[in-house]
Amino acid sequence: MEIKVFGPGCAKCKETEKLIREAVKASGKDITVEKVSDLQQMLAAGVMSTPAVAIDGVVKTTGRVPSKKDIAAWIDGAGDAPSSPASCGGCCSCGGNC
């Protein structure tokens, strides 16, 4: 499994990366975590709002710090669908596509 955390380095992006790394460590699974701050790579992945998290190339959330529960579900494979605006409180400008 490969997890990418997208963000320029703001406080929310750093918090997201920290939570992801903690969850990966706690899982004991062989998971690669990569921090992506390059704008071109973000745009290529379809990320328009940060922080964002992608797992195995699928963007799971944008524009918010994910909860520990969300992260654990993604790692366990239960979170196969991207977050919906209802689960993020409609906090981003995805138009229902986050």
N, C-alpha and C. Protein backbone atom coordinates (compact mmCIF):
# COMPACT_ATOMS: atom_id res chain seq x y z
N MET A 1 0.85 -1.17 0.00
CA MET A 1 0.00 0.00 0.00
C MET A 1 0.90 1.24 0.00
N GLU A 2 0.46 2.25 -0.74
CA GLU A 2 1.19 3.52 -0.79
C GLU A 2 0.23 4.65 -0.43
N ILE A 3 0.62 5.46 0.54
CA ILE A 3 -0.17 6.61 0.95
C ILE A 3 0.60 7.87 0.62
N LYS A 4 -0.08 8.80 -0.05
CA LYS A 4 0.51 10.09 -0.35
C LYS A 4 -0.27 11.17 0.38
N VAL A 5 0.47 12.03 1.06
CA VAL A 5 -0.12 13.18 1.74
C VAL A 5 0.28 14.41 0.94
N PHE A 6 -0.73 15.10 0.41
CA PHE A 6 -0.49 16.26 -0.44
C PHE A 6 -0.68 17.54 0.38
N GLY A 7 0.28 18.46 0.26
CA GLY A 7 0.16 19.74 0.92
C GLY A 7 1.46 20.52 0.88
N PRO A 8 1.34 21.84 0.91
CA PRO A 8 2.53 22.68 0.80
C PRO A 8 3.35 22.76 2.08
N GLY A 9 2.80 22.35 3.20
CA GLY A 9 3.54 22.41 4.46
C GLY A 9 2.87 23.25 5.52
N CYS A 10 1.60 23.55 5.34
CA CYS A 10 0.85 24.32 6.33
C CYS A 10 0.61 23.46 7.57
N ALA A 11 0.08 24.06 8.61
CA ALA A 11 -0.14 23.35 9.87
C ALA A 11 -1.08 22.15 9.69
N LYS A 12 -2.15 22.32 8.91
CA LYS A 12 -3.10 21.22 8.70
C LYS A 12 -2.45 20.08 7.90
N CYS A 13 -1.60 20.43 6.95
CA CYS A 13 -0.90 19.42 6.16
C CYS A 13 0.07 18.62 7.03
N LYS A 14 0.77 19.33 7.91
CA LYS A 14 1.70 18.67 8.82
C LYS A 14 0.96 17.76 9.79
N GLU A 15 -0.19 18.22 10.28
CA GLU A 15 -1.00 17.40 11.19
C GLU A 15 -1.51 16.15 10.47
N THR A 16 -1.93 16.30 9.22
CA THR A 16 -2.40 15.14 8.45
C THR A 16 -1.28 14.13 8.28
N GLU A 17 -0.09 14.60 7.90
CA GLU A 17 1.04 13.69 7.73
C GLU A 17 1.36 12.97 9.04
N LYS A 18 1.34 13.71 10.15
CA LYS A 18 1.63 13.13 11.46
C LYS A 18 0.62 12.03 11.79
N LEU A 19 -0.67 12.30 11.60
CA LEU A 19 -1.71 11.31 11.88
C LEU A 19 -1.57 10.07 11.00
N ILE A 20 -1.26 10.29 9.73
CA ILE A 20 -1.08 9.17 8.81
C ILE A 20 0.09 8.30 9.27
N ARG A 21 1.22 8.92 9.56
CA ARG A 21 2.40 8.15 9.99
C ARG A 21 2.14 7.40 11.30
N GLU A 22 1.43 8.01 12.22
CA GLU A 22 1.09 7.33 13.48
C GLU A 22 0.20 6.12 13.23
N ALA A 23 -0.79 6.28 12.35
CA ALA A 23 -1.70 5.17 12.05
C ALA A 23 -0.99 4.04 11.32
N VAL A 24 -0.08 4.39 10.43
CA VAL A 24 0.69 3.37 9.70
C VAL A 24 1.55 2.59 10.68
N LYS A 25 2.21 3.30 11.57
CA LYS A 25 3.06 2.64 12.56
C LYS A 25 2.23 1.71 13.44
N ALA A 26 1.07 2.19 13.89
CA ALA A 26 0.20 1.39 14.75
C ALA A 26 -0.34 0.15 14.03
N SER A 27 -0.52 0.26 12.72
CA SER A 27 -1.08 -0.87 11.96
C SER A 27 -0.10 -2.03 11.82
N GLY A 28 1.20 -1.72 11.84
CA GLY A 28 2.21 -2.75 11.66
C GLY A 28 2.29 -3.28 10.24
N LYS A 29 1.57 -2.65 9.32
CA LYS A 29 1.57 -3.08 7.92
C LYS A 29 2.71 -2.45 7.15
N ASP A 30 3.05 -3.09 6.04
CA ASP A 30 4.10 -2.57 5.15
C ASP A 30 3.49 -1.52 4.24
N ILE A 31 3.54 -0.27 4.67
CA ILE A 31 2.92 0.83 3.95
C ILE A 31 3.95 1.92 3.74
N THR A 32 4.02 2.42 2.51
CA THR A 32 4.91 3.53 2.19
C THR A 32 4.13 4.83 2.31
N VAL A 33 4.70 5.80 3.01
CA VAL A 33 4.08 7.12 3.15
C VAL A 33 4.98 8.13 2.47
N GLU A 34 4.39 8.92 1.58
CA GLU A 34 5.14 9.95 0.86
C GLU A 34 4.45 11.29 1.05
N LYS A 35 5.22 12.31 1.36
CA LYS A 35 4.71 13.68 1.46
C LYS A 35 4.96 14.36 0.12
N VAL A 36 3.90 14.88 -0.50
CA VAL A 36 4.01 15.53 -1.80
C VAL A 36 3.67 17.01 -1.63
N SER A 37 4.65 17.86 -1.92
CA SER A 37 4.41 19.30 -1.83
C SER A 37 4.57 20.01 -3.17
N ASP A 38 4.89 19.26 -4.20
CA ASP A 38 5.05 19.83 -5.54
C ASP A 38 3.68 20.09 -6.17
N LEU A 39 3.45 21.34 -6.55
CA LEU A 39 2.15 21.75 -7.11
C LEU A 39 1.78 20.95 -8.35
N GLN A 40 2.72 20.70 -9.23
CA GLN A 40 2.43 19.95 -10.46
C GLN A 40 1.97 18.52 -10.15
N GLN A 41 2.61 17.89 -9.16
CA GLN A 41 2.20 16.53 -8.77
C GLN A 41 0.81 16.55 -8.15
N MET A 42 0.51 17.59 -7.38
CA MET A 42 -0.83 17.70 -6.78
C MET A 42 -1.89 17.84 -7.86
N LEU A 43 -1.64 18.72 -8.81
CA LEU A 43 -2.60 18.92 -9.90
C LEU A 43 -2.77 17.66 -10.73
N ALA A 44 -1.67 16.96 -10.98
CA ALA A 44 -1.73 15.71 -11.76
C ALA A 44 -2.59 14.66 -11.05
N ALA A 45 -2.61 14.69 -9.73
CA ALA A 45 -3.41 13.75 -8.95
C ALA A 45 -4.85 14.22 -8.79
N GLY A 46 -5.14 15.42 -9.28
CA GLY A 46 -6.49 15.96 -9.17
C GLY A 46 -6.76 16.66 -7.86
N VAL A 47 -5.71 16.97 -7.11
CA VAL A 47 -5.85 17.62 -5.82
C VAL A 47 -5.91 19.13 -6.03
N MET A 48 -7.01 19.73 -5.62
CA MET A 48 -7.20 21.17 -5.76
C MET A 48 -7.27 21.86 -4.41
N SER A 49 -7.39 21.08 -3.33
CA SER A 49 -7.50 21.63 -1.98
C SER A 49 -6.70 20.74 -1.04
N THR A 50 -5.92 21.36 -0.17
CA THR A 50 -5.08 20.60 0.74
C THR A 50 -5.47 20.87 2.18
N PRO A 51 -5.13 19.96 3.08
CA PRO A 51 -4.41 18.72 2.85
C PRO A 51 -5.27 17.70 2.11
N ALA A 52 -4.58 16.79 1.44
CA ALA A 52 -5.26 15.72 0.73
C ALA A 52 -4.51 14.42 0.98
N VAL A 53 -5.23 13.32 0.90
CA VAL A 53 -4.63 12.00 1.10
C VAL A 53 -5.08 11.09 -0.03
N ALA A 54 -4.10 10.38 -0.62
CA ALA A 54 -4.40 9.38 -1.64
C ALA A 54 -3.82 8.06 -1.19
N ILE A 55 -4.57 7.00 -1.40
CA ILE A 55 -4.10 5.66 -1.08
C ILE A 55 -4.14 4.84 -2.37
N ASP A 56 -2.96 4.33 -2.73
CA ASP A 56 -2.80 3.56 -3.96
C ASP A 56 -3.40 4.30 -5.16
N GLY A 57 -3.16 5.62 -5.20
CA GLY A 57 -3.58 6.43 -6.34
C GLY A 57 -5.00 6.95 -6.29
N VAL A 58 -5.76 6.57 -5.25
CA VAL A 58 -7.15 7.01 -5.12
C VAL A 58 -7.22 8.09 -4.04
N VAL A 59 -7.65 9.30 -4.43
CA VAL A 59 -7.76 10.39 -3.47
C VAL A 59 -8.93 10.08 -2.54
N LYS A 60 -8.61 10.04 -1.24
CA LYS A 60 -9.62 9.71 -0.23
C LYS A 60 -10.27 10.94 0.39
N THR A 61 -9.51 12.02 0.50
CA THR A 61 -10.04 13.24 1.11
C THR A 61 -9.23 14.44 0.65
N THR A 62 -9.89 15.59 0.60
CA THR A 62 -9.21 16.85 0.28
C THR A 62 -9.78 17.95 1.16
N GLY A 63 -8.95 18.93 1.47
CA GLY A 63 -9.42 20.12 2.15
C GLY A 63 -9.69 19.99 3.63
N ARG A 64 -9.28 18.90 4.25
CA ARG A 64 -9.52 18.73 5.68
C ARG A 64 -8.51 17.75 6.27
N VAL A 65 -8.34 17.82 7.57
CA VAL A 65 -7.52 16.85 8.28
C VAL A 65 -8.42 15.64 8.56
N PRO A 66 -8.05 14.47 8.06
CA PRO A 66 -8.90 13.30 8.29
C PRO A 66 -8.85 12.86 9.76
N SER A 67 -9.91 12.22 10.19
CA SER A 67 -9.95 11.71 11.56
C SER A 67 -9.12 10.43 11.66
N LYS A 68 -8.73 10.10 12.88
CA LYS A 68 -8.00 8.85 13.10
C LYS A 68 -8.86 7.66 12.67
N LYS A 69 -10.16 7.76 12.88
CA LYS A 69 -11.09 6.69 12.48
C LYS A 69 -11.08 6.50 10.96
N ASP A 70 -11.12 7.62 10.22
CA ASP A 70 -11.07 7.54 8.75
C ASP A 70 -9.78 6.87 8.30
N ILE A 71 -8.67 7.31 8.86
CA ILE A 71 -7.37 6.79 8.46
C ILE A 71 -7.28 5.30 8.74
N ALA A 72 -7.72 4.89 9.93
CA ALA A 72 -7.69 3.46 10.28
C ALA A 72 -8.55 2.65 9.31
N ALA A 73 -9.70 3.17 8.94
CA ALA A 73 -10.58 2.47 8.00
C ALA A 73 -9.93 2.34 6.63
N TRP A 74 -9.26 3.39 6.18
CA TRP A 74 -8.58 3.33 4.88
C TRP A 74 -7.49 2.28 4.91
N ILE A 75 -6.71 2.27 5.98
CA ILE A 75 -5.61 1.31 6.10
C ILE A 75 -6.14 -0.11 6.18
N ASP A 76 -7.25 -0.30 6.88
CA ASP A 76 -7.85 -1.64 7.00
C ASP A 76 -8.61 -2.05 5.75
N GLY A 77 -8.77 -1.12 4.80
CA GLY A 77 -9.45 -1.45 3.55
C GLY A 77 -10.94 -1.21 3.58
N ALA A 78 -11.47 -0.75 4.72
CA ALA A 78 -12.90 -0.51 4.84
C ALA A 78 -13.29 0.81 4.19
N GLY A 79 -12.34 1.68 3.95
CA GLY A 79 -12.64 3.00 3.39
C GLY A 79 -12.33 3.07 1.91
N ASP A 80 -12.87 2.15 1.13
CA ASP A 80 -12.54 2.10 -0.29
C ASP A 80 -13.12 3.25 -1.10
N ALA A 81 -14.20 3.85 -0.63
CA ALA A 81 -14.80 4.97 -1.36
C ALA A 81 -14.25 6.28 -0.81
N PRO A 82 -14.10 7.28 -1.67
CA PRO A 82 -13.66 8.58 -1.19
C PRO A 82 -14.66 9.16 -0.21
N SER A 83 -14.21 10.07 0.62
CA SER A 83 -15.09 10.73 1.57
C SER A 83 -16.16 11.51 0.83
N SER A 84 -17.32 11.59 1.43
CA SER A 84 -18.38 12.39 0.84
C SER A 84 -18.45 13.72 1.58
N PRO A 85 -19.07 14.73 0.98
CA PRO A 85 -19.18 16.01 1.66
C PRO A 85 -19.88 15.86 3.01
N ALA A 86 -20.80 14.92 3.14
CA ALA A 86 -21.48 14.72 4.41
C ALA A 86 -20.48 14.30 5.48
N SER A 87 -19.50 13.47 5.13
CA SER A 87 -18.56 13.01 6.13
C SER A 87 -17.51 14.07 6.45
N CYS A 88 -17.31 15.01 5.54
CA CYS A 88 -16.35 16.08 5.84
C CYS A 88 -17.08 17.36 6.22
N GLY A 89 -18.38 17.28 6.35
CA GLY A 89 -19.13 18.45 6.75
C GLY A 89 -19.29 19.48 5.65
N GLY A 90 -19.04 19.06 4.40
CA GLY A 90 -19.13 19.99 3.30
C GLY A 90 -18.08 21.06 3.34
N CYS A 91 -16.92 20.71 3.90
CA CYS A 91 -15.90 21.72 4.17
C CYS A 91 -15.05 22.09 2.95
N CYS A 92 -15.18 21.38 1.87
CA CYS A 92 -14.35 21.73 0.72
C CYS A 92 -15.23 22.17 -0.44
N SER A 93 -14.60 22.53 -1.51
CA SER A 93 -15.33 23.01 -2.68
C SER A 93 -15.34 21.97 -3.78
N CYS A 94 -15.54 20.71 -3.40
CA CYS A 94 -15.46 19.61 -4.36
C CYS A 94 -16.72 19.42 -5.17
N GLY A 95 -17.80 20.05 -4.75
CA GLY A 95 -19.05 19.86 -5.46
C GLY A 95 -19.59 18.44 -5.31
N GLY A 96 -19.25 17.77 -4.22
CA GLY A 96 -19.71 16.41 -3.99
C GLY A 96 -18.81 15.36 -4.57
N ASN A 97 -17.60 15.73 -4.97
CA ASN A 97 -16.69 14.77 -5.61
C ASN A 97 -15.44 14.47 -4.81
N CYS A 98 -15.46 14.77 -3.52
CA CYS A 98 -14.25 14.47 -2.74
C CYS A 98 -14.32 13.09 -2.14
